[in-house]
Amino acid sequence: MMAELLPVLDVATPRHISSELSAFLNKPSDAKISIKDATKEIFKYIKDNNLRDKDNPRYFQVDATLSKLFKSHSQDGQLSSLKILSYTCHNYKKLKYKYAK
């Protein structure tokens, strides 16, 4: 029996980013950055602006800046840190998955 191939996202490879993400990161519009590095910067912003939920630190509040970055999520909402990639994946151009066994 053959093993099923599972999608694996390469988070370390620098790739082109959207204008919203480049503005958030203070990078030029043609900049490339890895998903890993961009995610670190987003978490740093959340920490620096005290957006973590005090009762449940896995969640954070979305302010006006993050609302622009996450697009489809309301400014008044609370989001899970565990799903940060799903909120930001539209900011990467030509996001492709590799397949691993």
N, C-alpha and C. Protein backbone atom coordinates (compact mmCIF):
# COMPACT_ATOMS: atom_id res chain seq x y z
N MET A 1 0.85 -1.18 0.00
CA MET A 1 0.00 0.00 0.00
C MET A 1 0.90 1.25 0.00
N MET A 2 0.63 2.18 -0.90
CA MET A 2 1.43 3.40 -1.00
C MET A 2 0.96 4.43 0.02
N ALA A 3 1.91 5.14 0.57
CA ALA A 3 1.58 6.20 1.54
C ALA A 3 0.99 7.39 0.78
N GLU A 4 0.05 8.05 1.40
CA GLU A 4 -0.57 9.23 0.81
C GLU A 4 0.40 10.40 0.91
N LEU A 5 0.47 11.20 -0.16
CA LEU A 5 1.33 12.38 -0.14
C LEU A 5 0.63 13.51 0.61
N LEU A 6 1.38 14.17 1.47
CA LEU A 6 0.83 15.26 2.27
C LEU A 6 1.44 16.58 1.84
N PRO A 7 0.63 17.66 1.75
CA PRO A 7 1.19 18.95 1.36
C PRO A 7 2.06 19.53 2.48
N VAL A 8 3.20 20.08 2.09
CA VAL A 8 4.13 20.70 3.03
C VAL A 8 4.44 22.09 2.51
N LEU A 9 4.26 23.09 3.34
CA LEU A 9 4.54 24.46 2.94
C LEU A 9 5.96 24.82 3.34
N ASP A 10 6.72 25.31 2.40
CA ASP A 10 8.09 25.74 2.66
C ASP A 10 8.05 27.15 3.24
N VAL A 11 8.25 27.28 4.54
CA VAL A 11 8.13 28.57 5.21
C VAL A 11 9.44 29.35 5.27
N ALA A 12 10.55 28.74 4.86
CA ALA A 12 11.85 29.39 4.97
C ALA A 12 12.30 30.09 3.68
N THR A 13 11.68 29.79 2.57
CA THR A 13 12.08 30.38 1.30
C THR A 13 11.52 31.79 1.14
N PRO A 14 12.38 32.77 0.88
CA PRO A 14 11.87 34.13 0.64
C PRO A 14 11.01 34.16 -0.62
N ARG A 15 9.90 34.89 -0.54
CA ARG A 15 8.99 34.98 -1.68
C ARG A 15 8.42 36.39 -1.74
N HIS A 16 7.88 36.75 -2.90
CA HIS A 16 7.29 38.07 -3.07
C HIS A 16 6.08 38.22 -2.17
N ILE A 17 5.87 39.44 -1.67
CA ILE A 17 4.77 39.69 -0.74
C ILE A 17 3.85 40.79 -1.27
N SER A 18 2.68 40.88 -0.68
CA SER A 18 1.70 41.88 -1.09
C SER A 18 2.12 43.28 -0.65
N SER A 19 1.45 44.29 -1.21
CA SER A 19 1.74 45.67 -0.82
C SER A 19 1.35 45.92 0.63
N GLU A 20 0.28 45.25 1.12
CA GLU A 20 -0.13 45.41 2.52
C GLU A 20 0.94 44.88 3.48
N LEU A 21 1.49 43.70 3.17
CA LEU A 21 2.51 43.12 4.03
C LEU A 21 3.82 43.91 3.93
N SER A 22 4.16 44.37 2.74
CA SER A 22 5.40 45.15 2.61
C SER A 22 5.28 46.47 3.38
N ALA A 23 4.10 47.08 3.39
CA ALA A 23 3.90 48.31 4.17
C ALA A 23 3.99 48.02 5.67
N PHE A 24 3.40 46.93 6.10
CA PHE A 24 3.44 46.54 7.52
C PHE A 24 4.88 46.31 7.97
N LEU A 25 5.67 45.67 7.12
CA LEU A 25 7.06 45.33 7.47
C LEU A 25 8.05 46.45 7.14
N ASN A 26 7.56 47.54 6.58
CA ASN A 26 8.42 48.65 6.14
C ASN A 26 9.48 48.17 5.16
N LYS A 27 9.04 47.38 4.19
CA LYS A 27 9.91 46.86 3.13
C LYS A 27 9.49 47.45 1.80
N PRO A 28 10.38 47.49 0.82
CA PRO A 28 9.98 47.96 -0.52
C PRO A 28 8.94 47.01 -1.13
N SER A 29 8.15 47.52 -2.07
CA SER A 29 7.06 46.73 -2.64
C SER A 29 7.53 45.49 -3.40
N ASP A 30 8.76 45.48 -3.86
CA ASP A 30 9.28 44.32 -4.58
C ASP A 30 10.11 43.39 -3.69
N ALA A 31 10.01 43.56 -2.39
CA ALA A 31 10.81 42.77 -1.44
C ALA A 31 10.35 41.33 -1.40
N LYS A 32 11.28 40.48 -1.01
CA LYS A 32 10.99 39.07 -0.76
C LYS A 32 11.28 38.79 0.71
N ILE A 33 10.43 38.01 1.34
CA ILE A 33 10.64 37.64 2.74
C ILE A 33 10.01 36.27 2.96
N SER A 34 10.59 35.51 3.86
CA SER A 34 10.05 34.18 4.13
C SER A 34 8.81 34.29 5.02
N ILE A 35 7.97 33.30 4.96
CA ILE A 35 6.78 33.25 5.80
C ILE A 35 7.19 33.24 7.27
N LYS A 36 8.26 32.52 7.57
CA LYS A 36 8.76 32.43 8.94
C LYS A 36 9.15 33.81 9.48
N ASP A 37 9.89 34.57 8.71
CA ASP A 37 10.34 35.89 9.16
C ASP A 37 9.17 36.88 9.27
N ALA A 38 8.25 36.83 8.32
CA ALA A 38 7.09 37.73 8.38
C ALA A 38 6.22 37.39 9.59
N THR A 39 6.05 36.11 9.87
CA THR A 39 5.24 35.69 11.02
C THR A 39 5.88 36.16 12.32
N LYS A 40 7.21 36.08 12.41
CA LYS A 40 7.91 36.59 13.60
C LYS A 40 7.62 38.07 13.81
N GLU A 41 7.63 38.84 12.72
CA GLU A 41 7.36 40.27 12.82
C GLU A 41 5.92 40.55 13.23
N ILE A 42 4.99 39.75 12.76
CA ILE A 42 3.59 39.92 13.15
C ILE A 42 3.43 39.64 14.64
N PHE A 43 4.04 38.55 15.12
CA PHE A 43 3.97 38.23 16.55
C PHE A 43 4.66 39.30 17.40
N LYS A 44 5.75 39.87 16.90
CA LYS A 44 6.42 40.94 17.62
C LYS A 44 5.50 42.16 17.73
N TYR A 45 4.80 42.48 16.65
CA TYR A 45 3.84 43.59 16.66
C TYR A 45 2.73 43.33 17.69
N ILE A 46 2.21 42.11 17.71
CA ILE A 46 1.15 41.74 18.66
C ILE A 46 1.65 41.92 20.09
N LYS A 47 2.87 41.47 20.36
CA LYS A 47 3.44 41.59 21.70
C LYS A 47 3.70 43.06 22.07
N ASP A 48 4.33 43.80 21.17
CA ASP A 48 4.67 45.20 21.44
C ASP A 48 3.45 46.08 21.67
N ASN A 49 2.32 45.71 21.07
CA ASN A 49 1.09 46.50 21.20
C ASN A 49 0.09 45.91 22.19
N ASN A 50 0.56 44.95 22.98
CA ASN A 50 -0.28 44.32 24.03
C ASN A 50 -1.63 43.85 23.50
N LEU A 51 -1.61 43.12 22.39
CA LEU A 51 -2.84 42.66 21.78
C LEU A 51 -3.22 41.24 22.22
N ARG A 52 -2.35 40.57 22.95
CA ARG A 52 -2.66 39.22 23.43
C ARG A 52 -3.78 39.27 24.46
N ASP A 53 -4.64 38.27 24.41
CA ASP A 53 -5.70 38.13 25.41
C ASP A 53 -5.05 37.74 26.73
N LYS A 54 -5.35 38.47 27.79
CA LYS A 54 -4.73 38.20 29.09
C LYS A 54 -5.20 36.88 29.71
N ASP A 55 -6.45 36.50 29.43
CA ASP A 55 -6.99 35.25 29.97
C ASP A 55 -6.57 34.03 29.16
N ASN A 56 -6.41 34.20 27.86
CA ASN A 56 -6.03 33.09 27.00
C ASN A 56 -5.03 33.60 25.97
N PRO A 57 -3.73 33.48 26.26
CA PRO A 57 -2.69 34.05 25.40
C PRO A 57 -2.59 33.45 24.01
N ARG A 58 -3.35 32.40 23.73
CA ARG A 58 -3.36 31.86 22.37
C ARG A 58 -4.15 32.76 21.42
N TYR A 59 -4.91 33.68 21.98
CA TYR A 59 -5.73 34.59 21.18
C TYR A 59 -5.20 36.01 21.26
N PHE A 60 -5.50 36.79 20.24
CA PHE A 60 -5.09 38.19 20.22
C PHE A 60 -6.19 39.04 19.59
N GLN A 61 -6.19 40.31 19.93
CA GLN A 61 -7.15 41.26 19.37
C GLN A 61 -6.62 41.79 18.04
N VAL A 62 -7.52 42.08 17.14
CA VAL A 62 -7.15 42.63 15.84
C VAL A 62 -7.39 44.14 15.87
N ASP A 63 -6.30 44.91 15.74
CA ASP A 63 -6.44 46.37 15.67
C ASP A 63 -6.54 46.80 14.21
N ALA A 64 -6.57 48.10 13.95
CA ALA A 64 -6.73 48.62 12.59
C ALA A 64 -5.59 48.17 11.67
N THR A 65 -4.38 48.14 12.18
CA THR A 65 -3.22 47.74 11.38
C THR A 65 -3.31 46.28 10.98
N LEU A 66 -3.63 45.41 11.92
CA LEU A 66 -3.74 43.98 11.61
C LEU A 66 -4.96 43.70 10.74
N SER A 67 -6.01 44.49 10.90
CA SER A 67 -7.21 44.32 10.08
C SER A 67 -6.89 44.50 8.60
N LYS A 68 -6.03 45.46 8.28
CA LYS A 68 -5.60 45.67 6.89
C LYS A 68 -4.81 44.47 6.39
N LEU A 69 -4.00 43.91 7.25
CA LEU A 69 -3.15 42.78 6.89
C LEU A 69 -3.95 41.49 6.72
N PHE A 70 -4.93 41.29 7.58
CA PHE A 70 -5.72 40.05 7.56
C PHE A 70 -6.95 40.15 6.66
N LYS A 71 -7.28 41.32 6.17
CA LYS A 71 -8.38 41.63 5.27
C LYS A 71 -9.75 41.14 5.73
N SER A 72 -10.01 39.87 5.69
CA SER A 72 -11.37 39.37 5.89
C SER A 72 -11.80 39.28 7.35
N HIS A 73 -10.95 39.63 8.28
CA HIS A 73 -11.30 39.51 9.69
C HIS A 73 -11.57 40.89 10.29
N SER A 74 -12.59 40.97 11.09
CA SER A 74 -13.02 42.27 11.60
C SER A 74 -12.01 42.86 12.58
N GLN A 75 -12.01 44.16 12.66
CA GLN A 75 -11.10 44.88 13.56
C GLN A 75 -11.41 44.57 15.02
N ASP A 76 -12.67 44.32 15.33
CA ASP A 76 -13.06 44.08 16.71
C ASP A 76 -12.94 42.61 17.12
N GLY A 77 -12.50 41.76 16.21
CA GLY A 77 -12.48 40.33 16.47
C GLY A 77 -11.27 39.88 17.26
N GLN A 78 -11.37 38.65 17.71
CA GLN A 78 -10.28 38.00 18.42
C GLN A 78 -9.89 36.79 17.60
N LEU A 79 -8.62 36.64 17.31
CA LEU A 79 -8.15 35.55 16.46
C LEU A 79 -7.18 34.65 17.20
N SER A 80 -7.06 33.43 16.70
CA SER A 80 -6.17 32.44 17.31
C SER A 80 -4.76 32.56 16.73
N SER A 81 -3.77 32.54 17.59
CA SER A 81 -2.37 32.56 17.15
C SER A 81 -2.02 31.31 16.36
N LEU A 82 -2.71 30.23 16.64
CA LEU A 82 -2.41 28.97 15.98
C LEU A 82 -2.79 28.98 14.50
N LYS A 83 -3.64 29.92 14.10
CA LYS A 83 -4.10 29.98 12.72
C LYS A 83 -3.53 31.19 11.98
N ILE A 84 -2.44 31.74 12.46
CA ILE A 84 -1.88 32.97 11.90
C ILE A 84 -1.56 32.82 10.41
N LEU A 85 -1.10 31.67 9.99
CA LEU A 85 -0.75 31.47 8.58
C LEU A 85 -2.00 31.57 7.70
N SER A 86 -3.11 31.01 8.15
CA SER A 86 -4.33 31.07 7.33
C SER A 86 -4.83 32.51 7.19
N TYR A 87 -4.54 33.37 8.15
CA TYR A 87 -4.96 34.77 8.06
C TYR A 87 -4.08 35.57 7.12
N THR A 88 -2.85 35.13 6.93
CA THR A 88 -1.89 35.93 6.15
C THR A 88 -1.50 35.31 4.81
N CYS A 89 -1.94 34.11 4.50
CA CYS A 89 -1.45 33.42 3.29
C CYS A 89 -1.76 34.19 2.00
N HIS A 90 -2.81 35.00 1.98
CA HIS A 90 -3.13 35.76 0.77
C HIS A 90 -2.09 36.86 0.50
N ASN A 91 -1.21 37.13 1.44
CA ASN A 91 -0.18 38.15 1.27
C ASN A 91 1.06 37.65 0.53
N TYR A 92 1.09 36.38 0.20
CA TYR A 92 2.24 35.81 -0.52
C TYR A 92 1.82 35.46 -1.93
N LYS A 93 2.63 35.89 -2.90
CA LYS A 93 2.31 35.62 -4.30
C LYS A 93 2.80 34.23 -4.68
N LYS A 94 1.97 33.52 -5.42
CA LYS A 94 2.30 32.18 -5.93
C LYS A 94 2.72 31.23 -4.82
N LEU A 95 1.90 31.11 -3.82
CA LEU A 95 2.18 30.21 -2.70
C LEU A 95 1.95 28.79 -3.16
N LYS A 96 2.99 27.97 -3.14
CA LYS A 96 2.89 26.59 -3.62
C LYS A 96 3.27 25.63 -2.50
N TYR A 97 2.67 24.47 -2.57
CA TYR A 97 2.97 23.43 -1.59
C TYR A 97 3.83 22.37 -2.23
N LYS A 98 4.75 21.84 -1.45
CA LYS A 98 5.51 20.66 -1.87
C LYS A 98 4.79 19.45 -1.30
N TYR A 99 5.07 18.29 -1.81
CA TYR A 99 4.42 17.09 -1.29
C TYR A 99 5.45 16.15 -0.72
N ALA A 100 5.14 15.64 0.45
CA ALA A 100 6.05 14.73 1.17
C ALA A 100 5.29 13.48 1.57
N LYS A 101 6.02 12.41 1.72
CA LYS A 101 5.40 11.14 2.15
C LYS A 101 5.23 11.11 3.64
